[in-house]
Amino acid sequence: MPTIQHLLPAKPDDILELDEMWTFVQKRDNKQWLWLALCRRTKQIVGYYIGDRGIKACKQFSANIAPGYQNLITKSDMWKAYNKTFDPSLHECSEYRGETSHIERCNATVRARMGRLVRKSLSFSKQQAMHIS
């Protein structure tokens, strides 16, 4: 994942795709959600957060989006936390319309390449930090 120093600058017409994916640390009962924001134009991850799936976590995720990308149009699935966190004039929730196809493809690629993010896997993390290193 590029660091903030390596991100391409945001353009006013950029669109962010938002999504979250489930994982766990040590045992399946210790659920963690990896929140991701992907710039549709550059295909770069411009923000992430690991935590639960609540509104507070979504707000922290929103705060973690790189400067310059925070006030852009966002697209997400219908998860309620997005509506309560992101500016309604800039945010669009939709289901089955392909608005989040790039981030969904990114999630599938990450799951295929990282054993600890596969849903049914023998690989697991003992520490949350292993998901971001």
N, C-alpha and C. Protein backbone atom coordinates (compact mmCIF):
# COMPACT_ATOMS: atom_id res chain seq x y z
N MET A 1 0.85 -1.17 0.00
CA MET A 1 0.00 0.00 0.00
C MET A 1 0.90 1.24 0.00
N PRO A 2 0.62 2.18 -0.89
CA PRO A 2 1.47 3.37 -0.93
C PRO A 2 1.31 4.20 0.34
N THR A 3 2.40 4.80 0.76
CA THR A 3 2.30 5.70 1.90
C THR A 3 1.76 7.03 1.41
N ILE A 4 1.39 7.88 2.33
CA ILE A 4 0.79 9.17 1.96
C ILE A 4 1.73 10.00 1.10
N GLN A 5 3.05 9.81 1.24
CA GLN A 5 4.01 10.55 0.43
C GLN A 5 3.99 10.08 -1.03
N HIS A 6 3.49 8.88 -1.29
CA HIS A 6 3.49 8.33 -2.64
C HIS A 6 2.14 8.40 -3.33
N LEU A 7 1.14 8.94 -2.70
CA LEU A 7 -0.18 9.05 -3.32
C LEU A 7 -0.16 10.12 -4.41
N LEU A 8 -0.84 9.82 -5.50
CA LEU A 8 -1.03 10.84 -6.52
C LEU A 8 -1.98 11.90 -5.97
N PRO A 9 -1.81 13.15 -6.33
CA PRO A 9 -2.69 14.19 -5.79
C PRO A 9 -4.13 13.97 -6.26
N ALA A 10 -5.05 14.32 -5.39
CA ALA A 10 -6.48 14.20 -5.71
C ALA A 10 -6.88 15.26 -6.72
N LYS A 11 -7.85 14.92 -7.55
CA LYS A 11 -8.45 15.88 -8.47
C LYS A 11 -9.89 16.10 -8.03
N PRO A 12 -10.45 17.28 -8.30
CA PRO A 12 -11.80 17.59 -7.81
C PRO A 12 -12.88 16.62 -8.29
N ASP A 13 -12.67 15.98 -9.44
CA ASP A 13 -13.69 15.07 -9.95
C ASP A 13 -13.42 13.60 -9.60
N ASP A 14 -12.46 13.34 -8.71
CA ASP A 14 -12.19 11.97 -8.27
C ASP A 14 -13.37 11.42 -7.49
N ILE A 15 -13.52 10.12 -7.55
CA ILE A 15 -14.56 9.41 -6.81
C ILE A 15 -13.89 8.34 -5.96
N LEU A 16 -14.31 8.25 -4.70
CA LEU A 16 -13.80 7.22 -3.81
C LEU A 16 -14.82 6.10 -3.68
N GLU A 17 -14.34 4.88 -3.73
CA GLU A 17 -15.17 3.71 -3.47
C GLU A 17 -14.81 3.21 -2.09
N LEU A 18 -15.82 2.97 -1.26
CA LEU A 18 -15.62 2.56 0.12
C LEU A 18 -16.16 1.15 0.33
N ASP A 19 -15.46 0.37 1.12
CA ASP A 19 -15.95 -0.96 1.45
C ASP A 19 -15.22 -1.45 2.69
N GLU A 20 -15.76 -2.51 3.25
CA GLU A 20 -15.14 -3.12 4.42
C GLU A 20 -15.12 -4.62 4.21
N MET A 21 -14.11 -5.28 4.78
CA MET A 21 -14.05 -6.74 4.68
C MET A 21 -13.74 -7.34 6.04
N TRP A 22 -14.38 -8.46 6.29
CA TRP A 22 -14.28 -9.14 7.56
C TRP A 22 -13.00 -9.97 7.64
N THR A 23 -12.40 -9.97 8.82
CA THR A 23 -11.29 -10.87 9.12
C THR A 23 -11.31 -11.12 10.62
N PHE A 24 -10.34 -11.81 11.15
CA PHE A 24 -10.30 -12.06 12.59
C PHE A 24 -8.85 -12.13 13.05
N VAL A 25 -8.68 -11.98 14.37
CA VAL A 25 -7.36 -12.07 14.98
C VAL A 25 -7.43 -13.17 16.04
N GLN A 26 -6.56 -14.15 15.95
CA GLN A 26 -6.43 -15.31 16.82
C GLN A 26 -7.57 -16.31 16.67
N LYS A 27 -8.81 -15.89 16.83
CA LYS A 27 -9.94 -16.81 16.71
C LYS A 27 -11.11 -16.09 16.05
N ARG A 28 -12.00 -16.84 15.45
CA ARG A 28 -13.10 -16.26 14.68
C ARG A 28 -14.02 -15.38 15.51
N ASP A 29 -14.05 -15.59 16.80
CA ASP A 29 -14.89 -14.75 17.66
C ASP A 29 -14.36 -13.33 17.78
N ASN A 30 -13.08 -13.13 17.52
CA ASN A 30 -12.46 -11.80 17.60
C ASN A 30 -12.52 -11.14 16.22
N LYS A 31 -13.72 -10.74 15.83
CA LYS A 31 -13.95 -10.17 14.50
C LYS A 31 -13.30 -8.80 14.37
N GLN A 32 -12.71 -8.59 13.21
CA GLN A 32 -12.12 -7.30 12.85
C GLN A 32 -12.61 -6.97 11.45
N TRP A 33 -12.78 -5.69 11.19
CA TRP A 33 -13.21 -5.24 9.87
C TRP A 33 -12.14 -4.32 9.31
N LEU A 34 -11.72 -4.60 8.10
CA LEU A 34 -10.75 -3.77 7.39
C LEU A 34 -11.54 -2.85 6.47
N TRP A 35 -11.58 -1.56 6.82
CA TRP A 35 -12.28 -0.54 6.03
C TRP A 35 -11.29 0.02 5.02
N LEU A 36 -11.70 0.13 3.75
CA LEU A 36 -10.82 0.63 2.71
C LEU A 36 -11.50 1.71 1.87
N ALA A 37 -10.71 2.70 1.47
CA ALA A 37 -11.16 3.74 0.52
C ALA A 37 -10.22 3.70 -0.67
N LEU A 38 -10.78 3.53 -1.86
CA LEU A 38 -10.00 3.42 -3.08
C LEU A 38 -10.39 4.54 -4.03
N CYS A 39 -9.39 5.23 -4.57
CA CYS A 39 -9.64 6.26 -5.57
C CYS A 39 -9.89 5.57 -6.90
N ARG A 40 -11.04 5.81 -7.49
CA ARG A 40 -11.41 5.14 -8.73
C ARG A 40 -10.44 5.46 -9.88
N ARG A 41 -9.96 6.68 -9.97
CA ARG A 41 -9.08 7.09 -11.07
C ARG A 41 -7.70 6.46 -10.95
N THR A 42 -7.10 6.52 -9.76
CA THR A 42 -5.71 6.06 -9.59
C THR A 42 -5.61 4.61 -9.14
N LYS A 43 -6.70 4.04 -8.65
CA LYS A 43 -6.73 2.68 -8.09
C LYS A 43 -5.84 2.56 -6.85
N GLN A 44 -5.57 3.67 -6.19
CA GLN A 44 -4.76 3.64 -4.97
C GLN A 44 -5.67 3.62 -3.75
N ILE A 45 -5.23 2.89 -2.73
CA ILE A 45 -5.92 2.92 -1.44
C ILE A 45 -5.53 4.23 -0.78
N VAL A 46 -6.51 5.08 -0.48
CA VAL A 46 -6.23 6.40 0.08
C VAL A 46 -6.61 6.49 1.55
N GLY A 47 -7.14 5.42 2.10
CA GLY A 47 -7.47 5.40 3.52
C GLY A 47 -7.86 4.01 3.96
N TYR A 48 -7.57 3.69 5.22
CA TYR A 48 -7.98 2.40 5.76
C TYR A 48 -8.13 2.52 7.27
N TYR A 49 -8.81 1.55 7.84
CA TYR A 49 -8.96 1.47 9.29
C TYR A 49 -9.28 0.03 9.64
N ILE A 50 -8.77 -0.46 10.74
CA ILE A 50 -9.10 -1.80 11.22
C ILE A 50 -9.78 -1.65 12.57
N GLY A 51 -10.95 -2.22 12.69
CA GLY A 51 -11.71 -2.15 13.94
C GLY A 51 -13.01 -2.91 13.81
N ASP A 52 -14.02 -2.49 14.54
CA ASP A 52 -15.31 -3.15 14.43
C ASP A 52 -16.08 -2.57 13.24
N ARG A 53 -17.38 -2.86 13.17
CA ARG A 53 -18.15 -2.42 12.01
C ARG A 53 -19.18 -1.36 12.39
N GLY A 54 -18.96 -0.68 13.50
CA GLY A 54 -19.91 0.31 13.98
C GLY A 54 -19.69 1.71 13.42
N ILE A 55 -20.56 2.60 13.85
CA ILE A 55 -20.51 3.99 13.38
C ILE A 55 -19.24 4.68 13.86
N LYS A 56 -18.84 4.41 15.10
CA LYS A 56 -17.61 5.02 15.64
C LYS A 56 -16.39 4.61 14.79
N ALA A 57 -16.33 3.36 14.41
CA ALA A 57 -15.23 2.88 13.56
C ALA A 57 -15.28 3.53 12.19
N CYS A 58 -16.48 3.71 11.66
CA CYS A 58 -16.63 4.36 10.35
C CYS A 58 -16.16 5.81 10.42
N LYS A 59 -16.44 6.48 11.52
CA LYS A 59 -15.98 7.86 11.68
C LYS A 59 -14.46 7.92 11.76
N GLN A 60 -13.86 6.95 12.44
CA GLN A 60 -12.40 6.89 12.51
C GLN A 60 -11.82 6.61 11.13
N PHE A 61 -12.46 5.72 10.40
CA PHE A 61 -12.06 5.42 9.02
C PHE A 61 -12.11 6.68 8.16
N SER A 62 -13.18 7.44 8.29
CA SER A 62 -13.34 8.68 7.53
C SER A 62 -12.20 9.65 7.85
N ALA A 63 -11.83 9.73 9.12
CA ALA A 63 -10.74 10.62 9.54
C ALA A 63 -9.39 10.14 9.01
N ASN A 64 -9.27 8.84 8.71
CA ASN A 64 -8.00 8.29 8.22
C ASN A 64 -7.81 8.43 6.72
N ILE A 65 -8.81 8.93 6.01
CA ILE A 65 -8.66 9.13 4.57
C ILE A 65 -7.66 10.26 4.35
N ALA A 66 -6.77 10.07 3.40
CA ALA A 66 -5.67 11.02 3.16
C ALA A 66 -6.18 12.42 2.88
N PRO A 67 -5.46 13.44 3.37
CA PRO A 67 -5.84 14.83 3.08
C PRO A 67 -5.91 15.05 1.57
N GLY A 68 -6.85 15.84 1.15
CA GLY A 68 -7.06 16.07 -0.27
C GLY A 68 -8.11 15.14 -0.86
N TYR A 69 -8.30 13.99 -0.22
CA TYR A 69 -9.29 13.03 -0.68
C TYR A 69 -10.55 13.02 0.19
N GLN A 70 -10.55 13.79 1.27
CA GLN A 70 -11.64 13.69 2.24
C GLN A 70 -12.95 14.31 1.80
N ASN A 71 -12.95 15.29 0.94
CA ASN A 71 -14.19 15.96 0.55
C ASN A 71 -14.56 15.67 -0.90
N LEU A 72 -14.40 14.43 -1.30
CA LEU A 72 -14.73 14.01 -2.66
C LEU A 72 -16.02 13.19 -2.65
N ILE A 73 -16.56 12.95 -3.82
CA ILE A 73 -17.74 12.08 -3.94
C ILE A 73 -17.34 10.67 -3.52
N THR A 74 -18.19 10.03 -2.71
CA THR A 74 -17.94 8.67 -2.25
C THR A 74 -19.09 7.77 -2.65
N LYS A 75 -18.76 6.52 -2.92
CA LYS A 75 -19.74 5.49 -3.28
C LYS A 75 -19.51 4.30 -2.36
N SER A 76 -20.59 3.72 -1.88
CA SER A 76 -20.46 2.56 -0.99
C SER A 76 -21.67 1.65 -1.14
N ASP A 77 -21.61 0.54 -0.41
CA ASP A 77 -22.78 -0.33 -0.33
C ASP A 77 -23.77 0.28 0.67
N MET A 78 -24.78 -0.46 1.03
CA MET A 78 -25.88 0.07 1.84
C MET A 78 -25.62 0.01 3.35
N TRP A 79 -24.40 -0.26 3.79
CA TRP A 79 -24.13 -0.37 5.22
C TRP A 79 -24.47 0.96 5.91
N LYS A 80 -25.28 0.89 6.97
CA LYS A 80 -25.85 2.09 7.61
C LYS A 80 -24.81 3.07 8.15
N ALA A 81 -23.65 2.59 8.54
CA ALA A 81 -22.63 3.47 9.12
C ALA A 81 -22.16 4.52 8.12
N TYR A 82 -22.14 4.19 6.84
CA TYR A 82 -21.70 5.16 5.84
C TYR A 82 -22.63 6.37 5.79
N ASN A 83 -23.93 6.12 5.82
CA ASN A 83 -24.91 7.22 5.76
C ASN A 83 -24.80 8.15 6.95
N LYS A 84 -24.40 7.62 8.10
CA LYS A 84 -24.32 8.43 9.31
C LYS A 84 -22.98 9.13 9.44
N THR A 85 -22.02 8.79 8.59
CA THR A 85 -20.67 9.34 8.70
C THR A 85 -20.33 10.32 7.58
N PHE A 86 -20.64 9.96 6.36
CA PHE A 86 -20.22 10.76 5.21
C PHE A 86 -21.29 11.78 4.83
N ASP A 87 -20.85 12.91 4.32
CA ASP A 87 -21.72 14.02 3.91
C ASP A 87 -22.75 13.52 2.88
N PRO A 88 -24.05 13.63 3.19
CA PRO A 88 -25.08 13.13 2.27
C PRO A 88 -25.05 13.78 0.89
N SER A 89 -24.55 15.00 0.80
CA SER A 89 -24.50 15.66 -0.51
C SER A 89 -23.36 15.11 -1.39
N LEU A 90 -22.41 14.41 -0.78
CA LEU A 90 -21.27 13.85 -1.52
C LEU A 90 -21.26 12.33 -1.55
N HIS A 91 -22.16 11.70 -0.80
CA HIS A 91 -22.12 10.24 -0.65
C HIS A 91 -23.32 9.58 -1.31
N GLU A 92 -23.06 8.48 -1.99
CA GLU A 92 -24.14 7.71 -2.62
C GLU A 92 -24.00 6.24 -2.24
N CYS A 93 -25.06 5.70 -1.67
CA CYS A 93 -25.12 4.27 -1.35
C CYS A 93 -25.94 3.58 -2.43
N SER A 94 -25.44 2.47 -2.92
CA SER A 94 -26.22 1.71 -3.89
C SER A 94 -25.86 0.24 -3.78
N GLU A 95 -26.79 -0.58 -4.17
CA GLU A 95 -26.60 -2.02 -4.14
C GLU A 95 -26.81 -2.54 -5.56
N TYR A 96 -25.93 -3.40 -6.01
CA TYR A 96 -26.07 -4.08 -7.31
C TYR A 96 -26.04 -3.13 -8.51
N ARG A 97 -25.34 -2.01 -8.42
CA ARG A 97 -25.26 -1.09 -9.55
C ARG A 97 -23.83 -0.95 -10.07
N GLY A 98 -22.90 -1.68 -9.50
CA GLY A 98 -21.53 -1.64 -9.98
C GLY A 98 -20.73 -0.44 -9.53
N GLU A 99 -21.28 0.36 -8.61
CA GLU A 99 -20.59 1.58 -8.17
C GLU A 99 -19.37 1.29 -7.31
N THR A 100 -19.28 0.08 -6.78
CA THR A 100 -18.12 -0.27 -5.94
C THR A 100 -17.33 -1.44 -6.54
N SER A 101 -17.41 -1.62 -7.83
CA SER A 101 -16.78 -2.78 -8.46
C SER A 101 -15.25 -2.78 -8.33
N HIS A 102 -14.63 -1.60 -8.35
CA HIS A 102 -13.16 -1.54 -8.24
C HIS A 102 -12.69 -1.95 -6.84
N ILE A 103 -13.35 -1.46 -5.81
CA ILE A 103 -12.94 -1.82 -4.44
C ILE A 103 -13.27 -3.28 -4.15
N GLU A 104 -14.38 -3.79 -4.69
CA GLU A 104 -14.72 -5.20 -4.50
C GLU A 104 -13.66 -6.08 -5.18
N ARG A 105 -13.20 -5.69 -6.36
CA ARG A 105 -12.14 -6.43 -7.05
C ARG A 105 -10.85 -6.38 -6.25
N CYS A 106 -10.55 -5.22 -5.69
CA CYS A 106 -9.36 -5.06 -4.84
C CYS A 106 -9.44 -6.00 -3.64
N ASN A 107 -10.61 -6.05 -3.00
CA ASN A 107 -10.80 -6.94 -1.85
C ASN A 107 -10.59 -8.40 -2.24
N ALA A 108 -11.13 -8.80 -3.39
CA ALA A 108 -10.98 -10.18 -3.85
C ALA A 108 -9.51 -10.51 -4.11
N THR A 109 -8.78 -9.58 -4.70
CA THR A 109 -7.36 -9.78 -4.97
C THR A 109 -6.57 -9.90 -3.67
N VAL A 110 -6.87 -9.03 -2.72
CA VAL A 110 -6.18 -9.08 -1.42
C VAL A 110 -6.46 -10.41 -0.73
N ARG A 111 -7.70 -10.85 -0.73
CA ARG A 111 -8.05 -12.14 -0.11
C ARG A 111 -7.32 -13.30 -0.80
N ALA A 112 -7.18 -13.23 -2.11
CA ALA A 112 -6.51 -14.31 -2.85
C ALA A 112 -5.01 -14.36 -2.54
N ARG A 113 -4.42 -13.22 -2.24
CA ARG A 113 -2.97 -13.15 -2.06
C ARG A 113 -2.51 -13.21 -0.61
N MET A 114 -3.40 -12.96 0.33
CA MET A 114 -3.02 -12.95 1.75
C MET A 114 -3.81 -14.01 2.50
N GLY A 115 -3.13 -15.07 2.88
CA GLY A 115 -3.78 -16.19 3.55
C GLY A 115 -4.57 -15.80 4.78
N ARG A 116 -4.10 -14.82 5.54
CA ARG A 116 -4.79 -14.48 6.77
C ARG A 116 -6.10 -13.73 6.53
N LEU A 117 -6.37 -13.28 5.32
CA LEU A 117 -7.63 -12.61 5.01
C LEU A 117 -8.64 -13.51 4.31
N VAL A 118 -8.24 -14.74 4.01
CA VAL A 118 -9.17 -15.69 3.40
C VAL A 118 -10.19 -16.10 4.44
N ARG A 119 -11.44 -16.21 4.05
CA ARG A 119 -12.51 -16.49 5.01
C ARG A 119 -12.36 -17.85 5.68
N LYS A 120 -12.12 -18.89 4.91
CA LYS A 120 -11.98 -20.23 5.47
C LYS A 120 -10.54 -20.66 5.24
N SER A 121 -9.70 -20.40 6.21
CA SER A 121 -8.27 -20.60 6.03
C SER A 121 -7.65 -21.21 7.27
N LEU A 122 -6.53 -21.87 7.07
CA LEU A 122 -5.75 -22.35 8.20
C LEU A 122 -4.80 -21.27 8.70
N SER A 123 -4.64 -20.21 7.94
CA SER A 123 -3.78 -19.09 8.33
C SER A 123 -4.56 -18.14 9.21
N PHE A 124 -3.92 -17.60 10.22
CA PHE A 124 -4.56 -16.59 11.04
C PHE A 124 -3.50 -15.71 11.67
N SER A 125 -3.93 -14.56 12.17
CA SER A 125 -3.01 -13.62 12.81
C SER A 125 -3.14 -13.71 14.31
N LYS A 126 -2.03 -13.59 14.99
CA LYS A 126 -2.06 -13.53 16.44
C LYS A 126 -2.16 -12.09 16.93
N GLN A 127 -1.83 -11.15 16.05
CA GLN A 127 -1.87 -9.73 16.41
C GLN A 127 -2.53 -8.95 15.29
N GLN A 128 -3.28 -7.91 15.66
CA GLN A 128 -3.94 -7.07 14.68
C GLN A 128 -2.93 -6.38 13.75
N ALA A 129 -1.77 -6.05 14.28
CA ALA A 129 -0.75 -5.35 13.49
C ALA A 129 -0.31 -6.15 12.27
N MET A 130 -0.46 -7.46 12.29
CA MET A 130 -0.06 -8.28 11.15
C MET A 130 -0.94 -8.03 9.92
N HIS A 131 -2.11 -7.44 10.09
CA HIS A 131 -2.99 -7.16 8.96
C HIS A 131 -2.56 -5.92 8.20
N ILE A 132 -1.73 -5.09 8.79
CA ILE A 132 -1.35 -3.85 8.11
C ILE A 132 0.14 -3.76 7.81
N SER A 133 0.89 -4.78 8.15
CA SER A 133 2.33 -4.72 7.87
C SER A 133 2.67 -5.38 6.57
